[in-house]
């Protein structure tokens, strides 16, 4: 896997020459938050590390390097032509001198005990790579939300559990043995730039016999950026299917993996129908939206979604109007014009790997609003009665998308966008 020539390597005077851990930080449009990211590394209680920052031909290089002036003596700085996240991380891996690789996106933040706790657990369990839980912050509605609450990991980390989303790896919370990563070819630079390069690496590591583990302790903060919320969810859902196609073409799957893939395809197709339905609803294409929701509900079997389909048939303006009235800002995230503009503008891969939490809270609130409206419509004029508990709680299910599980009582079951990134695969996130 060739790596193009590095343009400007720079090694700081205070950089550890014989570190155990090499911290890998790819940077693209990262000047706004990278100081906070680097400060979190420098504040680690475990000090046997080096920091490698790779400027992946970023358009904000001038601003980025201005920020990095305060850090040059403490980092290895690599500047290269733009090649994507996979190539940037590979450049860092090539330059790394540590036996362990700690991956960190340039807008995320480690807690002071991160390296110490991760390395202690990795050594104790004799694992080849390990990941931890993260507190989500930034453009989030619930400051107490964690990655594993939205994307739980259950049981042993295996190839099939990655495909199906039973286990979801957060890249900024992952430490891996360098020799294992190099032996399986590092990140694949030839993959489509849809945010699946990290998932593909974890899959190949497991396929090669590597041992993976996780801990539920919150050891980092995972930033949710507003920039990651304004893209087209339809495009994201389509990328999920492309990622599955790519994974299946690239790897020879065993029977368990094929079974997991079949389940994943069903959920991915349902997600595409769901997001297309939302898009058509925002565009006032009510008949198409109803058809999309109906096809999606063959998978979800959601009572709430069924009711929405019925209301769309007779009162489509009510469904759209309530959403627009009560959440006008959040509505813009699924508004077709906003989505098209964001899609045309394009996003970098770090932004693609963010989690779309805003849409989840939008549809959760929307579900409550429409539920209240339906209680009036269905109870008859002049009557006011509460909905049955079964209406609000029935068909509470687990949904597994973008290699992440979610638990939400929502009107439209809302799969997540990855930052990740199939995540963190992370479709963005993925």
Protein backbone atom coordinates (compact mmCIF):
# COMPACT_ATOMS: atom_id res chain seq x y z
CA UNK A 1 0.00 0.00 0.00
CA UNK A 2 2.02 2.97 -1.26
CA UNK A 3 2.28 6.20 0.70
CA UNK A 4 3.16 9.35 -1.24
CA UNK A 5 6.10 11.49 -0.33
CA UNK A 6 5.83 13.43 2.91
CA UNK A 7 6.33 17.10 2.14
CA UNK A 8 7.38 18.69 5.45
CA UNK A 9 8.32 16.51 8.45
CA UNK A 10 9.12 18.38 11.64
CA UNK A 11 10.14 16.78 14.95
CA UNK A 12 9.86 18.86 18.12
CA UNK A 13 12.74 19.13 20.58
CA UNK A 14 10.70 17.69 23.45
CA UNK A 15 9.33 14.71 21.50
CA UNK A 16 9.92 11.34 23.19
CA UNK A 17 12.40 9.43 21.03
CA UNK A 18 11.56 5.99 22.44
CA UNK A 19 7.83 6.08 23.28
CA UNK A 20 5.62 3.13 23.99
CA UNK A 21 2.61 4.87 22.46
CA UNK A 22 2.35 6.86 19.23
CA UNK A 23 -0.68 9.13 19.20
CA UNK A 24 -2.04 9.45 15.64
CA UNK A 25 -3.89 12.72 14.90
CA UNK A 26 -4.98 13.36 11.28
CA UNK A 27 -5.86 17.01 10.70
CA UNK A 28 -8.18 18.45 8.05
CA UNK A 29 -9.97 21.74 8.70
CA UNK A 30 -8.97 21.17 12.30
CA UNK A 31 -7.65 24.55 13.46
CA UNK A 32 -10.72 25.37 15.54
CA UNK A 33 -10.45 22.46 17.97
CA UNK A 34 -7.02 20.87 17.64
CA UNK A 35 -5.56 22.88 20.53
CA UNK A 36 -8.09 21.34 22.89
CA UNK A 37 -7.31 17.91 21.46
CA UNK A 38 -3.55 18.29 21.91
CA UNK A 39 -3.93 19.77 25.38
CA UNK A 40 -5.84 16.66 26.40
CA UNK A 41 -2.94 14.47 25.27
CA UNK A 42 -0.36 16.61 27.04
CA UNK A 43 -2.44 16.34 30.22
CA UNK A 44 -2.28 12.53 30.29
CA UNK A 45 -1.15 10.86 33.51
CA UNK A 46 0.67 8.32 31.32
CA UNK A 47 3.66 10.16 29.81
CA UNK A 48 5.41 7.56 27.62
CA UNK A 49 4.07 8.74 24.28
CA UNK A 50 4.74 10.77 21.16
CA UNK A 51 2.18 12.85 19.26
CA UNK A 52 2.11 12.71 15.46
CA UNK A 53 -0.05 15.33 13.75
CA UNK A 54 -0.61 14.85 10.01
CA UNK A 55 -1.83 17.82 8.00
CA UNK A 56 -3.67 16.10 5.17
CA UNK A 57 -3.40 18.97 2.68
CA UNK A 58 -5.93 20.93 4.69
CA UNK A 59 -7.39 24.14 3.21
CA UNK A 60 -7.00 25.75 6.64
CA UNK A 61 -3.24 25.01 6.79
CA UNK A 62 -2.28 28.59 7.53
CA UNK A 63 -4.63 28.81 10.50
CA UNK A 64 -3.76 25.29 11.60
CA UNK A 65 -0.05 25.98 11.64
CA UNK A 66 -0.63 29.20 13.54
CA UNK A 67 -2.33 27.19 16.28
CA UNK A 68 0.39 24.54 16.19
CA UNK A 69 3.11 27.10 16.86
CA UNK A 70 2.40 26.53 20.55
CA UNK A 71 2.85 22.77 20.16
CA UNK A 72 5.65 22.19 17.65
CA UNK A 73 8.22 21.38 20.32
CA UNK A 74 5.96 18.61 21.63
CA UNK A 75 4.83 16.97 18.39
CA UNK A 76 5.96 15.32 15.20
CA UNK A 77 4.34 17.37 12.43
CA UNK A 78 3.84 15.88 8.98
CA UNK A 79 2.44 17.86 6.09
CA UNK A 80 1.37 16.07 2.93
CA UNK A 81 -0.82 16.43 -0.12
CA UNK A 82 -4.47 15.67 0.50
CA UNK A 83 -5.15 11.96 0.32
CA UNK A 84 -7.91 11.31 2.81
CA UNK A 85 -8.03 10.07 6.39
CA UNK A 86 -6.66 6.62 5.55
CA UNK A 87 -3.55 8.00 3.92
CA UNK A 88 -3.02 10.56 6.71
CA UNK A 89 -3.18 7.89 9.40
CA UNK A 90 -0.88 5.62 7.40
CA UNK A 91 1.68 8.40 7.16
CA UNK A 92 1.62 8.65 10.95
CA UNK A 93 1.89 4.88 11.35
CA UNK A 94 4.94 4.85 9.07
CA UNK A 95 6.59 7.51 11.20
CA UNK A 96 5.52 6.00 14.53
CA UNK A 97 8.14 4.69 16.93
CA UNK A 98 5.81 3.33 19.59
CA UNK A 99 4.70 -0.29 19.84
CA UNK A 100 1.14 0.93 20.43
CA UNK A 101 -0.95 3.22 18.24
CA UNK A 102 -3.53 5.49 19.87
CA UNK A 103 -5.92 7.01 17.33
CA UNK A 104 -7.40 10.43 18.04
CA UNK A 105 -9.42 12.69 15.73
CA UNK A 106 -8.43 16.34 15.79
CA UNK A 107 -11.67 17.50 17.43
CA UNK A 108 -12.04 14.87 20.15
CA UNK A 109 -10.68 15.03 23.69
CA UNK A 110 -9.17 12.41 25.99
CA UNK A 111 -9.71 12.47 29.73
CA UNK A 112 -6.45 12.55 31.76
CA UNK A 113 -6.59 8.83 32.65
CA UNK A 114 -7.30 7.67 29.09
CA UNK A 115 -3.91 6.24 28.11
CA UNK A 116 -3.20 4.83 31.55
CA UNK A 117 -6.55 3.04 31.82
CA UNK A 118 -6.55 1.77 28.25
CA UNK A 119 -3.00 0.40 28.37
CA UNK A 120 -3.58 -1.21 31.74
CA UNK A 121 -6.67 -3.02 30.42
CA UNK A 122 -5.02 -3.97 27.13
CA UNK A 123 -2.06 -5.49 28.97
CA UNK A 124 -4.22 -7.27 31.52
CA UNK A 125 -6.40 -8.87 28.85
CA UNK A 126 -3.55 -9.43 26.40
CA UNK A 127 -5.60 -7.79 23.67
CA UNK A 128 -4.37 -6.58 20.29
CA UNK A 129 -6.70 -3.60 20.24
CA UNK A 130 -9.14 -2.08 22.70
CA UNK A 131 -11.69 0.73 22.76
CA UNK A 132 -13.50 2.65 25.49
CA UNK A 133 -16.72 4.58 25.95
CA UNK A 134 -16.97 8.33 25.29
CA UNK A 135 -19.06 11.22 26.54
CA UNK A 136 -20.60 13.07 23.60
CA UNK A 137 -20.37 16.86 23.65
CA UNK A 138 -20.80 19.86 21.39
CA UNK A 139 -24.02 19.92 19.34
CA UNK A 140 -25.89 17.48 21.58
CA UNK A 141 -29.18 17.72 23.44
CA UNK A 142 -28.22 15.52 26.36
CA UNK A 143 -24.87 16.34 27.93
CA UNK A 144 -24.90 13.01 29.79
CA UNK A 145 -25.20 10.91 26.64
CA UNK A 146 -22.41 8.45 25.94
CA UNK A 147 -21.32 6.64 22.81
CA UNK A 148 -22.12 3.20 24.20
CA UNK A 149 -25.59 4.26 25.31
CA UNK A 150 -26.29 5.01 21.67
CA UNK A 151 -24.02 2.32 20.24
CA UNK A 152 -23.75 -0.49 22.77
CA UNK A 153 -21.14 -3.23 22.53
CA UNK A 154 -22.25 -6.66 23.67
CA UNK A 155 -20.38 -9.93 23.95
CA UNK A 156 -17.14 -10.80 22.22
CA UNK A 157 -15.85 -8.52 19.47
CA UNK A 158 -15.97 -10.63 16.30
CA UNK A 159 -16.21 -9.95 12.58
CA UNK A 160 -19.91 -10.78 12.50
CA UNK A 161 -20.63 -8.59 15.52
CA UNK A 162 -18.95 -5.67 13.72
CA UNK A 163 -21.02 -6.23 10.58
CA UNK A 164 -24.28 -6.51 12.46
CA UNK A 165 -23.41 -3.63 14.79
CA UNK A 166 -23.52 -5.64 18.00
CA UNK A 167 -20.10 -4.18 18.70
CA UNK A 168 -19.23 -0.65 17.56
CA UNK A 169 -15.68 0.66 17.73
CA UNK A 170 -15.04 4.36 18.34
CA UNK A 171 -11.79 5.25 16.61
CA UNK A 172 -10.76 8.09 18.93
CA UNK A 173 -11.13 5.65 21.81
CA UNK A 174 -9.02 2.89 20.26
CA UNK A 175 -5.48 1.72 21.01
CA UNK A 176 -3.92 -1.01 18.87
CA UNK A 177 -0.63 -2.87 18.63
CA UNK A 178 1.37 -1.34 15.82
CA UNK A 179 2.79 -4.66 14.60
CA UNK A 180 -0.71 -6.06 14.13
CA UNK A 181 -1.91 -2.99 12.24
CA UNK A 182 1.14 -3.01 9.94
CA UNK A 183 0.91 -6.78 9.38
CA UNK A 184 -2.65 -6.52 8.04
CA UNK A 185 -1.85 -3.64 5.70
CA UNK A 186 -2.76 -0.55 7.74
CA UNK A 187 -5.68 1.58 6.52
CA UNK A 188 -6.86 0.86 2.99
CA UNK A 189 -6.29 4.02 0.95
CA UNK A 190 -8.20 2.65 -2.05
CA UNK A 191 -11.58 2.45 -0.35
CA UNK A 192 -14.32 4.92 -1.33
CA UNK A 193 -14.11 8.02 0.88
CA UNK A 194 -17.29 7.31 2.76
CA UNK A 195 -15.83 6.91 6.23
CA UNK A 196 -15.46 3.13 6.35
CA UNK A 197 -11.65 2.89 6.43
CA UNK A 198 -11.50 2.43 10.20
CA UNK A 199 -14.22 -0.23 10.23
CA UNK A 200 -12.40 -2.04 7.43
CA UNK A 201 -9.20 -2.06 9.50
CA UNK A 202 -10.94 -3.45 12.59
CA UNK A 203 -12.58 -6.10 10.41
CA UNK A 204 -9.26 -7.14 8.85
CA UNK A 205 -7.56 -7.23 12.24
CA UNK A 206 -10.20 -9.59 13.58
CA UNK A 207 -10.13 -11.63 10.39
CA UNK A 208 -6.38 -12.09 10.83
CA UNK A 209 -6.87 -13.45 14.35
CA UNK A 210 -6.32 -10.30 16.41
CA UNK A 211 -7.94 -10.17 19.85
CA UNK A 212 -10.18 -7.17 20.56
CA UNK A 213 -11.81 -5.95 23.73
CA UNK A 214 -13.57 -2.88 25.14
CA UNK A 215 -14.31 -1.23 28.44
CA UNK A 216 -17.44 0.67 29.34
CA UNK A 217 -15.60 3.30 31.31
CA UNK A 218 -15.97 6.79 29.85
CA UNK A 219 -12.40 7.86 29.01
CA UNK A 220 -12.85 10.48 26.30
CA UNK A 221 -15.14 13.15 24.92
CA UNK A 222 -16.51 12.67 21.43
CA UNK A 223 -17.38 15.93 19.71
CA UNK A 224 -20.57 16.27 17.73
CA UNK A 225 -20.14 19.16 15.32
CA UNK A 226 -23.00 21.18 13.78
CA UNK A 227 -21.22 20.72 10.45
CA UNK A 228 -21.94 17.02 10.65
CA UNK A 229 -25.67 17.59 11.04
CA UNK A 230 -26.42 19.55 7.90
CA UNK A 231 -25.69 16.97 5.22
CA UNK A 232 -28.14 14.76 3.42
CA UNK A 233 -29.22 11.77 5.47
CA UNK A 234 -30.39 10.16 2.24
CA UNK A 235 -26.84 10.33 0.90
CA UNK A 236 -25.55 8.92 4.17
CA UNK A 237 -27.99 6.00 3.98
CA UNK A 238 -26.89 5.32 0.42
CA UNK A 239 -23.26 5.39 1.52
CA UNK A 240 -24.11 2.72 4.07
CA UNK A 241 -25.28 0.41 1.31
CA UNK A 242 -22.20 1.24 -0.78
CA UNK A 243 -20.03 0.36 2.20
CA UNK A 244 -21.75 -3.00 2.60
CA UNK A 245 -21.28 -3.71 -1.10
CA UNK A 246 -17.61 -2.76 -0.84
CA UNK A 247 -17.05 -4.93 2.21
CA UNK A 248 -18.68 -7.92 0.57
CA UNK A 249 -16.68 -7.53 -2.64
CA UNK A 250 -13.40 -7.06 -0.82
CA UNK A 251 -13.59 -9.89 1.71
CA UNK A 252 -14.47 -13.56 1.48
CA UNK A 253 -17.12 -13.90 4.16
CA UNK A 254 -17.80 -17.04 6.17
CA UNK A 255 -21.31 -18.28 6.87
CA UNK A 256 -21.71 -16.32 10.12
CA UNK A 257 -20.52 -13.14 8.41
CA UNK A 258 -22.87 -13.75 5.48
CA UNK A 259 -25.79 -14.14 7.88
CA UNK A 260 -24.84 -10.91 9.65
CA UNK A 261 -24.48 -9.18 6.29
CA UNK A 262 -27.97 -10.25 5.24
CA UNK A 263 -29.46 -8.77 8.43
CA UNK A 264 -27.43 -5.61 7.98
CA UNK A 265 -28.64 -5.16 4.42
CA UNK A 266 -32.23 -5.34 5.56
CA UNK A 267 -31.68 -2.63 8.14
CA UNK A 268 -29.65 -0.49 5.71
CA UNK A 269 -32.38 -0.66 3.08
CA UNK A 270 -35.02 0.21 5.68
CA UNK A 271 -32.88 3.16 6.77
CA UNK A 272 -32.67 4.40 3.18
CA UNK A 273 -36.44 4.21 2.81
CA UNK A 274 -36.91 6.01 6.13
CA UNK A 275 -34.52 8.85 5.31
CA UNK A 276 -35.93 9.19 1.79
CA UNK A 277 -39.37 9.42 3.36
CA UNK A 278 -38.25 12.25 5.64
CA UNK A 279 -36.69 14.01 2.68
CA UNK A 280 -39.90 13.69 0.66
CA UNK A 281 -41.96 14.85 3.63
CA UNK A 282 -39.85 18.01 3.89
CA UNK A 283 -40.26 18.50 0.13
CA UNK A 284 -44.04 18.09 0.51
CA UNK A 285 -43.99 15.00 -1.67
CA UNK A 286 -46.49 13.39 0.67
CA UNK A 287 -47.48 10.41 -1.46
CA UNK A 288 -43.86 9.43 -2.04
CA UNK A 289 -43.09 9.97 1.66
CA UNK A 290 -45.96 7.70 2.64
CA UNK A 291 -44.71 5.00 0.25
CA UNK A 292 -41.20 5.30 1.68
CA UNK A 293 -42.45 5.03 5.27
CA UNK A 294 -44.65 2.08 4.38
CA UNK A 295 -41.72 0.17 2.87
CA UNK A 296 -39.51 1.09 5.82
CA UNK A 297 -42.15 -0.15 8.24
CA UNK A 298 -42.06 -3.62 6.76
CA UNK A 299 -38.79 -3.83 8.66
CA UNK A 300 -39.49 -1.63 11.69
CA UNK A 301 -43.07 -2.79 12.36
CA UNK A 302 -43.55 0.42 14.34
CA UNK A 303 -47.03 1.34 15.55
CA UNK A 304 -46.07 5.01 15.62
CA UNK A 305 -44.81 4.95 12.07
CA UNK A 306 -47.98 3.19 10.99
CA UNK A 307 -50.06 5.98 12.54
CA UNK A 308 -47.95 8.62 10.78
CA UNK A 309 -48.59 6.86 7.47
CA UNK A 310 -52.32 7.02 8.13
CA UNK A 311 -52.21 10.70 9.11
CA UNK A 312 -50.13 11.52 6.02
CA UNK A 313 -52.91 10.04 3.91
CA UNK A 314 -55.53 12.47 5.25
CA UNK A 315 -53.69 15.29 7.06
CA UNK A 316 -50.21 15.59 5.49
CA UNK A 317 -49.92 19.32 6.22
CA UNK A 318 -50.44 18.59 9.93
CA UNK A 319 -47.46 16.24 10.06
CA UNK A 320 -45.20 18.66 8.23
CA UNK A 321 -46.59 21.80 9.83
CA UNK A 322 -46.08 20.70 13.41
CA UNK A 323 -42.47 19.79 12.71
CA UNK A 324 -41.75 23.09 10.95
CA UNK A 325 -43.52 25.17 13.58
CA UNK A 326 -42.03 23.70 16.72
CA UNK A 327 -38.51 22.91 15.47
CA UNK A 328 -37.73 25.32 12.61
CA UNK A 329 -33.95 25.19 13.07
CA UNK A 330 -33.80 21.42 13.34
CA UNK A 331 -36.17 21.13 10.38
CA UNK A 332 -33.45 22.69 8.24
CA UNK A 333 -31.30 19.60 8.80
CA UNK A 334 -33.77 17.45 6.84
CA UNK A 335 -34.98 20.22 4.52
CA UNK A 336 -34.17 19.12 0.95
CA UNK A 337 -32.67 22.49 -0.01
CA UNK A 338 -30.34 22.46 2.98
CA UNK A 339 -29.39 18.86 2.33
CA UNK A 340 -28.69 19.50 -1.36
CA UNK A 341 -26.57 22.55 -0.56
CA UNK A 342 -24.58 20.64 2.02
CA UNK A 343 -24.13 17.72 -0.32
CA UNK A 344 -22.86 19.95 -3.13
CA UNK A 345 -20.49 21.74 -0.79
CA UNK A 346 -19.07 18.39 0.35
CA UNK A 347 -17.63 17.46 3.71
CA UNK A 348 -14.23 16.20 4.85
CA UNK A 349 -13.90 12.76 6.29
CA UNK A 350 -13.64 13.85 9.89
CA UNK A 351 -16.98 15.59 9.60
CA UNK A 352 -18.38 12.49 7.87
CA UNK A 353 -17.51 10.48 10.95
CA UNK A 354 -19.67 12.55 13.35
CA UNK A 355 -22.85 11.26 14.98
CA UNK A 356 -26.13 12.89 13.91
CA UNK A 357 -27.73 13.34 17.31
CA UNK A 358 -29.73 16.43 16.44
CA UNK A 359 -32.03 14.54 14.06
CA UNK A 360 -32.72 11.97 16.77
CA UNK A 361 -33.91 14.60 19.22
CA UNK A 362 -35.86 16.34 16.44
CA UNK A 363 -37.88 13.24 15.65
CA UNK A 364 -38.28 12.39 19.31
CA UNK A 365 -39.86 15.78 20.00
CA UNK A 366 -41.82 15.59 16.76
CA UNK A 367 -43.20 12.23 17.80
CA UNK A 368 -44.44 13.67 21.07
CA UNK A 369 -46.04 16.65 19.32
CA UNK A 370 -47.78 14.53 16.68
CA UNK A 371 -48.80 12.03 19.34
CA UNK A 372 -50.53 14.83 21.24
CA UNK A 373 -52.21 16.04 18.06
CA UNK A 374 -53.35 12.54 17.19
CA UNK A 375 -54.82 12.09 20.66
CA UNK A 376 -57.13 14.99 19.88
CA UNK A 377 -57.89 13.89 16.32
CA UNK A 378 -58.63 10.30 17.27
CA UNK A 379 -60.66 11.04 20.40
CA UNK A 380 -63.19 13.23 18.62
CA UNK A 381 -64.12 16.90 18.89
CA UNK A 382 -64.65 18.26 22.38
CA UNK A 383 -63.05 15.24 24.04
CA UNK A 384 -59.75 15.23 25.80
CA UNK A 385 -58.31 11.91 26.87
CA UNK A 386 -54.80 10.63 27.33
CA UNK A 387 -53.31 8.14 24.95
CA UNK A 388 -53.01 4.58 26.13
CA UNK A 389 -49.63 3.70 27.64
CA UNK A 390 -49.36 1.13 24.86
CA UNK A 391 -49.44 3.92 22.32
CA UNK A 392 -46.35 5.60 23.73
CA UNK A 393 -44.41 2.50 24.72
CA UNK A 394 -45.51 -0.22 22.33
CA UNK A 395 -43.00 -1.60 19.86
CA UNK A 396 -39.98 -0.16 21.65
CA UNK A 397 -37.15 -1.81 19.76
CA UNK A 398 -33.43 -1.82 19.17
CA UNK A 399 -32.20 -0.57 15.83
CA UNK A 400 -28.76 -1.20 14.49
CA UNK A 401 -27.37 1.15 11.85
CA UNK A 402 -24.01 2.65 10.82
CA UNK A 403 -22.41 -0.06 12.93
CA UNK A 404 -24.13 1.43 15.96
CA UNK A 405 -27.23 0.49 17.96
CA UNK A 406 -29.71 3.00 19.21
CA UNK A 407 -32.42 2.89 21.84
CA UNK A 408 -34.95 5.62 21.22
CA UNK A 409 -38.73 5.82 21.53
CA UNK A 410 -39.18 7.86 18.39
CA UNK A 411 -41.91 8.38 15.88
CA UNK A 412 -39.56 7.58 13.03
CA UNK A 413 -36.93 5.10 14.30
CA UNK A 414 -33.79 7.16 13.73
CA UNK A 415 -30.64 5.35 12.64
CA UNK A 416 -27.41 7.14 13.36
CA UNK A 417 -24.99 8.71 11.12
CA UNK A 418 -21.60 7.62 11.76
CA UNK A 419 -18.59 10.23 12.35
CA UNK A 420 -18.34 7.74 12.41
CA UNK A 421 -18.52 7.00 10.38
CA UNK A 422 -20.47 1.13 8.55
CA UNK A 423 -19.52 4.77 11.95
CA UNK A 424 -17.22 5.70 14.09
CA UNK A 425 -17.94 1.34 9.90
CA UNK A 426 -18.51 4.90 11.02
CA UNK A 427 -20.52 6.53 8.33
CA UNK A 428 -20.61 9.26 9.16
CA UNK A 429 -19.67 8.20 10.88
CA UNK A 430 -20.13 7.48 9.03
